[in-house]
Amino acid sequence: MMGIIGRKLGMTQLFPENGEAIAVTAIEAGPSVVTQVKNRAKDGYNAIQLGFVASGVKQLHLTAPEKGHLKGIDEVRYLREFRTEDISSVKRGSKVDVGFLKPGDLINVSGFSKGKGFAGVVKRYHFAGGPKTHGQTDRHRAPGSIGATTSPGRVLKGKRMAGHMGNRKVTVRNLEVIESDPSRNLLLVKGAVPTAKGGLLIIEKARW
């Protein structure tokens, strides 16, 4: 397998024999169930669709197409796809756990960052703000000039300005696996990962 779906549990510290303090993120990784196997002949590409088993899912909340798609599968809340060329050894309905990850492996973890709402440029982009003296009034956290005059006569696309902050997909690459425990569906990863506590995470083996 190339990946698995998980949920962020929080952060803690580990103390190896050398006494060094290592900050780790605890992730509830799986169990995931294979809900669909896509192949190039039928779908145009090879991929495996996984469902993350979560409590509280009710059949009455599913649409008729969803019920048909998940027929014979345990109740799942989230569906995610993983591209892979090796689909011969995977069958619909089989379970996936963190056993394919070992300590020392490098992984990429994707999740949605914490939403901060509408934020100004100082908070959003770490602007320095305007002068605090020399006659300035109410310009301490202002962005300053946002463009030129006649040429180009407009504000260029991508200009860093105030706006919605956070709640964007973020991928942190090449994080080291410290511990993998399939019996508890637990994965300990060195460092921080995006999303809030309890948020959904996509975990994939690093490809470079």
C-alpha atoms as a PDB file:
ATOM      1  CA  MET A   1       0.000   0.000   0.000  1.00  0.00           C
ATOM      2  CA  MET A   2       1.034   3.564  -0.637  1.00  0.00           C
ATOM      3  CA  GLY A   3      -1.240   5.323   1.856  1.00  0.00           C
ATOM      4  CA  ILE A   4      -3.889   5.268   4.534  1.00  0.00           C
ATOM      5  CA  ILE A   5      -6.473   7.611   6.070  1.00  0.00           C
ATOM      6  CA  GLY A   6      -6.074   8.776   9.660  1.00  0.00           C
ATOM      7  CA  ARG A   7      -7.187  11.185  12.329  1.00  0.00           C
ATOM      8  CA  LYS A   8      -4.960  13.486  14.386  1.00  0.00           C
ATOM      9  CA  LEU A   9      -5.017  12.662  18.093  1.00  0.00           C
ATOM     10  CA  GLY A  10      -2.580  15.308  19.337  1.00  0.00           C
ATOM     11  CA  MET A  11       1.081  15.863  20.143  1.00  0.00           C
ATOM     12  CA  THR A  12       3.355  14.543  22.869  1.00  0.00           C
ATOM     13  CA  GLN A  13       7.024  13.877  23.580  1.00  0.00           C
ATOM     14  CA  LEU A  14       9.189  10.761  23.484  1.00  0.00           C
ATOM     15  CA  PHE A  15      12.475  10.310  25.326  1.00  0.00           C
ATOM     16  CA  PRO A  16      14.857   7.788  23.696  1.00  0.00           C
ATOM     17  CA  GLU A  17      17.768   6.221  25.539  1.00  0.00           C
ATOM     18  CA  ASN A  18      20.065   9.141  24.703  1.00  0.00           C
ATOM     19  CA  GLY A  19      17.777  11.471  26.684  1.00  0.00           C
ATOM     20  CA  GLU A  20      16.813  13.604  23.713  1.00  0.00           C
ATOM     21  CA  ALA A  21      13.253  14.966  23.739  1.00  0.00           C
ATOM     22  CA  ILE A  22      11.439  14.257  20.445  1.00  0.00           C
ATOM     23  CA  ALA A  23       8.165  15.997  19.642  1.00  0.00           C
ATOM     24  CA  VAL A  24       5.796  13.543  17.949  1.00  0.00           C
ATOM     25  CA  THR A  25       2.265  13.640  16.596  1.00  0.00           C
ATOM     26  CA  ALA A  26      -0.033  10.751  17.483  1.00  0.00           C
ATOM     27  CA  ILE A  27      -2.304   9.666  14.621  1.00  0.00           C
ATOM     28  CA  GLU A  28      -5.134   7.158  14.631  1.00  0.00           C
ATOM     29  CA  ALA A  29      -4.270   5.593  11.264  1.00  0.00           C
ATOM     30  CA  GLY A  30      -6.969   3.250  10.005  1.00  0.00           C
ATOM     31  CA  PRO A  31      -8.298   0.704   9.929  1.00  0.00           C
ATOM     32  CA  SER A  32      -9.325   1.568   6.382  1.00  0.00           C
ATOM     33  CA  VAL A  33     -11.352  -0.656   4.095  1.00  0.00           C
ATOM     34  CA  VAL A  34     -10.950  -0.922   0.317  1.00  0.00           C
ATOM     35  CA  THR A  35     -14.233   0.348  -1.136  1.00  0.00           C
ATOM     36  CA  GLN A  36     -13.229   0.335  -4.813  1.00  0.00           C
ATOM     37  CA  VAL A  37     -10.349  -0.765  -7.027  1.00  0.00           C
ATOM     38  CA  LYS A  38     -10.023   1.327 -10.189  1.00  0.00           C
ATOM     39  CA  ASN A  39      -8.166   0.067 -13.241  1.00  0.00           C
ATOM     40  CA  ARG A  40      -6.853   1.726 -16.368  1.00  0.00           C
ATOM     41  CA  ALA A  41      -9.063  -0.264 -18.746  1.00  0.00           C
ATOM     42  CA  LYS A  42     -12.332   0.842 -17.133  1.00  0.00           C
ATOM     43  CA  ASP A  43     -11.530   4.089 -15.317  1.00  0.00           C
ATOM     44  CA  GLY A  44      -8.527   5.374 -17.253  1.00  0.00           C
ATOM     45  CA  TYR A  45      -6.081   5.044 -14.360  1.00  0.00           C
ATOM     46  CA  ASN A  46      -5.130   2.687 -11.542  1.00  0.00           C
ATOM     47  CA  ALA A  47      -6.150   3.657  -8.035  1.00  0.00           C
ATOM     48  CA  ILE A  48      -7.446   2.290  -4.756  1.00  0.00           C
ATOM     49  CA  GLN A  49     -10.314   3.978  -2.945  1.00  0.00           C
ATOM     50  CA  LEU A  50     -10.220   3.642   0.830  1.00  0.00           C
ATOM     51  CA  GLY A  51     -12.949   4.273   3.371  1.00  0.00           C
ATOM     52  CA  PHE A  52     -12.088   5.374   6.879  1.00  0.00           C
ATOM     53  CA  VAL A  53     -14.122   3.475   9.448  1.00  0.00           C
ATOM     54  CA  ALA A  54     -15.720   5.937  11.858  1.00  0.00           C
ATOM     55  CA  SER A  55     -18.422   5.555  14.485  1.00  0.00           C
ATOM     56  CA  GLY A  56     -21.766   7.302  14.295  1.00  0.00           C
ATOM     57  CA  VAL A  57     -22.452   6.712  10.580  1.00  0.00           C
ATOM     58  CA  LYS A  58     -26.086   5.803   9.899  1.00  0.00           C
ATOM     59  CA  GLN A  59     -27.506   4.215   6.767  1.00  0.00           C
ATOM     60  CA  LEU A  60     -30.390   6.682   6.736  1.00  0.00           C
ATOM     61  CA  HIS A  61     -27.901   9.508   6.166  1.00  0.00           C
ATOM     62  CA  LEU A  62     -26.593   7.887   2.957  1.00  0.00           C
ATOM     63  CA  THR A  63     -28.031   8.493  -0.488  1.00  0.00           C
ATOM     64  CA  ALA A  64     -29.137   5.580  -2.676  1.00  0.00           C
ATOM     65  CA  PRO A  65     -25.981   5.757  -4.867  1.00  0.00           C
ATOM     66  CA  GLU A  66     -23.804   5.802  -1.740  1.00  0.00           C
ATOM     67  CA  LYS A  67     -25.604   2.759  -0.327  1.00  0.00           C
ATOM     68  CA  GLY A  68     -25.067   0.916  -3.601  1.00  0.00           C
ATOM     69  CA  HIS A  69     -21.403   1.914  -3.747  1.00  0.00           C
ATOM     70  CA  LEU A  70     -20.806   0.719  -0.170  1.00  0.00           C
ATOM     71  CA  LYS A  71     -22.922  -2.437  -0.349  1.00  0.00           C
ATOM     72  CA  GLY A  72     -21.314  -5.171   1.715  1.00  0.00           C
ATOM     73  CA  ILE A  73     -18.828  -2.728   3.284  1.00  0.00           C
ATOM     74  CA  ASP A  74     -18.644  -1.686   6.932  1.00  0.00           C
ATOM     75  CA  GLU A  75     -19.997   1.785   7.650  1.00  0.00           C
ATOM     76  CA  VAL A  76     -17.465   4.427   6.654  1.00  0.00           C
ATOM     77  CA  ARG A  77     -17.533   8.195   6.903  1.00  0.00           C
ATOM     78  CA  TYR A  78     -14.703   9.280   4.591  1.00  0.00           C
ATOM     79  CA  LEU A  79     -13.658   8.103   1.127  1.00  0.00           C
ATOM     80  CA  ARG A  80     -10.260   8.950  -0.339  1.00  0.00           C
ATOM     81  CA  GLU A  81      -8.333   7.754  -3.396  1.00  0.00           C
ATOM     82  CA  PHE A  82      -4.704   6.687  -3.688  1.00  0.00           C
ATOM     83  CA  ARG A  83      -3.029   6.369  -7.081  1.00  0.00           C
ATOM     84  CA  THR A  84      -0.924   3.243  -7.465  1.00  0.00           C
ATOM     85  CA  GLU A  85       0.204   0.941 -10.243  1.00  0.00           C
ATOM     86  CA  ASP A  86       0.056  -2.236  -8.145  1.00  0.00           C
ATOM     87  CA  ILE A  87      -3.634  -3.134  -7.850  1.00  0.00           C
ATOM     88  CA  SER A  88      -3.353  -6.884  -8.443  1.00  0.00           C
ATOM     89  CA  SER A  89      -2.922  -7.751  -4.760  1.00  0.00           C
ATOM     90  CA  VAL A  90      -5.797  -5.583  -3.500  1.00  0.00           C
ATOM     91  CA  LYS A  91      -9.419  -6.685  -3.329  1.00  0.00           C
ATOM     92  CA  ARG A  92     -12.595  -4.786  -2.467  1.00  0.00           C
ATOM     93  CA  GLY A  93     -13.554  -5.218   1.175  1.00  0.00           C
ATOM     94  CA  SER A  94     -10.048  -5.956   2.449  1.00  0.00           C
ATOM     95  CA  LYS A  95      -8.759  -4.041   5.466  1.00  0.00           C
ATOM     96  CA  VAL A  96      -5.680  -1.822   5.503  1.00  0.00           C
ATOM     97  CA  ASP A  97      -3.730  -0.947   8.654  1.00  0.00           C
ATOM     98  CA  VAL A  98      -0.454   0.810   9.446  1.00  0.00           C
ATOM     99  CA  GLY A  99       1.550  -2.410   9.196  1.00  0.00           C
ATOM    100  CA  PHE A 100       3.041  -1.294   5.861  1.00  0.00           C
ATOM    101  CA  LEU A 101       4.831   1.568   7.665  1.00  0.00           C
ATOM    102  CA  LYS A 102       7.934   0.870   9.740  1.00  0.00           C
ATOM    103  CA  PRO A 103      10.001   3.082  12.080  1.00  0.00           C
ATOM    104  CA  GLY A 104      12.381   5.151   9.982  1.00  0.00           C
ATOM    105  CA  ASP A 105      10.093   5.325   6.937  1.00  0.00           C
ATOM    106  CA  LEU A 106       9.439   8.756   5.440  1.00  0.00           C
ATOM    107  CA  ILE A 107       5.852   9.819   4.783  1.00  0.00           C
ATOM    108  CA  ASN A 108       3.900  12.771   3.403  1.00  0.00           C
ATOM    109  CA  VAL A 109       0.966  13.927   5.538  1.00  0.00           C
ATOM    110  CA  SER A 110      -1.836  16.081   4.118  1.00  0.00           C
ATOM    111  CA  GLY A 111      -4.607  17.849   5.997  1.00  0.00           C
ATOM    112  CA  PHE A 112      -6.531  21.105   6.180  1.00  0.00           C
ATOM    113  CA  SER A 113      -4.896  23.817   8.272  1.00  0.00           C
ATOM    114  CA  LYS A 114      -6.751  25.467  11.129  1.00  0.00           C
ATOM    115  CA  GLY A 115      -9.158  28.134   9.918  1.00  0.00           C
ATOM    116  CA  LYS A 116      -8.374  31.588  11.334  1.00  0.00           C
ATOM    117  CA  GLY A 117     -11.197  33.522   9.669  1.00  0.00           C
ATOM    118  CA  PHE A 118     -10.641  36.940   8.105  1.00  0.00           C
ATOM    119  CA  ALA A 119      -7.136  38.172   8.962  1.00  0.00           C
ATOM    120  CA  GLY A 120      -5.081  41.245   8.136  1.00  0.00           C
ATOM    121  CA  VAL A 121      -1.702  41.256   6.424  1.00  0.00           C
ATOM    122  CA  VAL A 122       0.299  41.404   9.662  1.00  0.00           C
ATOM    123  CA  LYS A 123      -1.218  38.171  10.958  1.00  0.00           C
ATOM    124  CA  ARG A 124      -1.663  36.497   7.585  1.00  0.00           C
ATOM    125  CA  TYR A 125       1.681  37.318   5.921  1.00  0.00           C
ATOM    126  CA  HIS A 126       3.782  38.731   8.784  1.00  0.00           C
ATOM    127  CA  PHE A 127       3.965  42.235   7.329  1.00  0.00           C
ATOM    128  CA  ALA A 128       5.883  44.722   9.494  1.00  0.00           C
ATOM    129  CA  GLY A 129       3.168  47.385   9.320  1.00  0.00           C
ATOM    130  CA  GLY A 130       3.722  51.106   8.954  1.00  0.00           C
ATOM    131  CA  PRO A 131       5.852  53.490  10.993  1.00  0.00           C
ATOM    132  CA  LYS A 132       4.831  53.911  14.623  1.00  0.00           C
ATOM    133  CA  THR A 133       5.615  57.614  14.631  1.00  0.00           C
ATOM    134  CA  HIS A 134       6.371  60.541  12.280  1.00  0.00           C
ATOM    135  CA  GLY A 135       2.757  61.602  12.117  1.00  0.00           C
ATOM    136  CA  GLN A 136       1.273  58.254  11.148  1.00  0.00           C
ATOM    137  CA  THR A 137      -2.274  57.683  12.387  1.00  0.00           C
ATOM    138  CA  ASP A 138      -3.996  54.268  12.426  1.00  0.00           C
ATOM    139  CA  ARG A 139      -1.445  52.806   9.987  1.00  0.00           C
ATOM    140  CA  HIS A 140       0.370  50.469  12.361  1.00  0.00           C
ATOM    141  CA  ARG A 141      -1.046  47.268  10.798  1.00  0.00           C
ATOM    142  CA  ALA A 142      -1.868  48.563   7.320  1.00  0.00           C
ATOM    143  CA  PRO A 143      -0.398  46.930   4.160  1.00  0.00           C
ATOM    144  CA  GLY A 144       0.776  50.157   2.536  1.00  0.00           C
ATOM    145  CA  SER A 145       0.728  50.675  -1.229  1.00  0.00           C
ATOM    146  CA  ILE A 146      -0.794  47.836  -3.253  1.00  0.00           C
ATOM    147  CA  GLY A 147       0.098  48.987  -6.761  1.00  0.00           C
ATOM    148  CA  ALA A 148       1.472  51.628  -9.123  1.00  0.00           C
ATOM    149  CA  THR A 149      -0.318  54.400 -11.029  1.00  0.00           C
ATOM    150  CA  THR A 150      -0.942  54.491 -14.786  1.00  0.00           C
ATOM    151  CA  SER A 151       1.265  51.498 -15.455  1.00  0.00           C
ATOM    152  CA  PRO A 152      -0.042  48.864 -14.925  1.00  0.00           C
ATOM    153  CA  GLY A 153      -3.079  50.764 -13.647  1.00  0.00           C
ATOM    154  CA  ARG A 154      -4.428  47.813 -11.698  1.00  0.00           C
ATOM    155  CA  VAL A 155      -3.669  45.581  -8.743  1.00  0.00           C
ATOM    156  CA  LEU A 156      -1.711  42.530  -9.869  1.00  0.00           C
ATOM    157  CA  LYS A 157      -3.153  39.092  -9.258  1.00  0.00           C
ATOM    158  CA  GLY A 158      -1.706  37.285  -6.274  1.00  0.00           C
ATOM    159  CA  LYS A 159      -1.050  40.469  -4.309  1.00  0.00           C
ATOM    160  CA  ARG A 160      -0.764  39.605  -0.637  1.00  0.00           C
ATOM    161  CA  MET A 161      -3.658  41.339   1.094  1.00  0.00           C
ATOM    162  CA  ALA A 162      -6.080  40.787   3.952  1.00  0.00           C
ATOM    163  CA  GLY A 163      -8.466  37.867   3.550  1.00  0.00           C
ATOM    164  CA  HIS A 164      -9.476  34.411   4.698  1.00  0.00           C
ATOM    165  CA  MET A 165      -6.627  32.724   6.564  1.00  0.00           C
ATOM    166  CA  GLY A 166      -6.155  29.000   7.021  1.00  0.00           C
ATOM    167  CA  ASN A 167      -8.533  26.151   6.150  1.00  0.00           C
ATOM    168  CA  ARG A 168      -6.360  25.229   3.156  1.00  0.00           C
ATOM    169  CA  LYS A 169      -4.933  21.864   2.186  1.00  0.00           C
ATOM    170  CA  VAL A 170      -1.354  21.611   3.445  1.00  0.00           C
ATOM    171  CA  THR A 171       1.112  18.782   2.819  1.00  0.00           C
ATOM    172  CA  VAL A 172       4.165  18.249   5.015  1.00  0.00           C
ATOM    173  CA  ARG A 173       6.713  16.040   3.292  1.00  0.00           C
ATOM    174  CA  ASN A 174       9.337  13.568   4.482  1.00  0.00           C
ATOM    175  CA  LEU A 175       8.210  13.173   8.084  1.00  0.00           C
ATOM    176  CA  GLU A 176       9.882  10.294   9.893  1.00  0.00           C
ATOM    177  CA  VAL A 177       7.818   7.461  11.363  1.00  0.00           C
ATOM    178  CA  ILE A 178       8.904   6.931  14.980  1.00  0.00           C
ATOM    179  CA  GLU A 179       6.507   4.120  15.884  1.00  0.00           C
ATOM    180  CA  SER A 180       3.872   2.053  14.074  1.00  0.00           C
ATOM    181  CA  ASP A 181       1.459  -0.099  16.110  1.00  0.00           C
ATOM    182  CA  PRO A 182      -1.159  -1.927  13.969  1.00  0.00           C
ATOM    183  CA  SER A 183      -2.750  -3.529  17.044  1.00  0.00           C
ATOM    184  CA  ARG A 184      -3.773  -0.074  18.331  1.00  0.00           C
ATOM    185  CA  ASN A 185      -4.025   1.626  14.914  1.00  0.00           C
ATOM    186  CA  LEU A 186      -1.460   4.089  16.236  1.00  0.00           C
ATOM    187  CA  LEU A 187       1.165   5.977  14.307  1.00  0.00           C
ATOM    188  CA  LEU A 188       3.735   8.286  15.910  1.00  0.00           C
ATOM    189  CA  VAL A 189       5.297  10.787  13.521  1.00  0.00           C
ATOM    190  CA  LYS A 190       8.231  13.076  14.273  1.00  0.00           C
ATOM    191  CA  GLY A 191       7.214  16.729  14.212  1.00  0.00           C
ATOM    192  CA  ALA A 192       3.925  18.501  13.592  1.00  0.00           C
ATOM    193  CA  VAL A 193       1.273  17.810  10.976  1.00  0.00           C
ATOM    194  CA  PRO A 194      -1.450  20.110   9.614  1.00  0.00           C
ATOM    195  CA  THR A 195      -5.081  20.198  10.863  1.00  0.00           C
ATOM    196  CA  ALA A 196      -6.627  20.551  14.293  1.00  0.00           C
ATOM    197  CA  LYS A 197      -6.984  17.782  16.858  1.00  0.00           C
ATOM    198  CA  GLY A 198      -9.475  15.253  15.510  1.00  0.00           C
ATOM    199  CA  GLY A 199      -8.996  16.405  11.905  1.00  0.00           C
ATOM    200  CA  LEU A 200      -8.728  14.068   8.940  1.00  0.00           C
ATOM    201  CA  LEU A 201      -5.269  13.238   7.549  1.00  0.00           C
ATOM    202  CA  ILE A 202      -4.046  11.549   4.380  1.00  0.00           C
ATOM    203  CA  ILE A 203      -0.827   9.611   4.968  1.00  0.00           C
ATOM    204  CA  GLU A 204       1.277   8.459   2.009  1.00  0.00           C
ATOM    205  CA  LYS A 205       4.730   6.981   1.658  1.00  0.00           C
ATOM    206  CA  ALA A 206       7.222   9.578   0.480  1.00  0.00           C
ATOM    207  CA  ARG A 207       8.179   9.059  -3.152  1.00  0.00           C
ATOM    208  CA  TRP A 208      11.347  11.181  -3.123  1.00  0.00           C
END
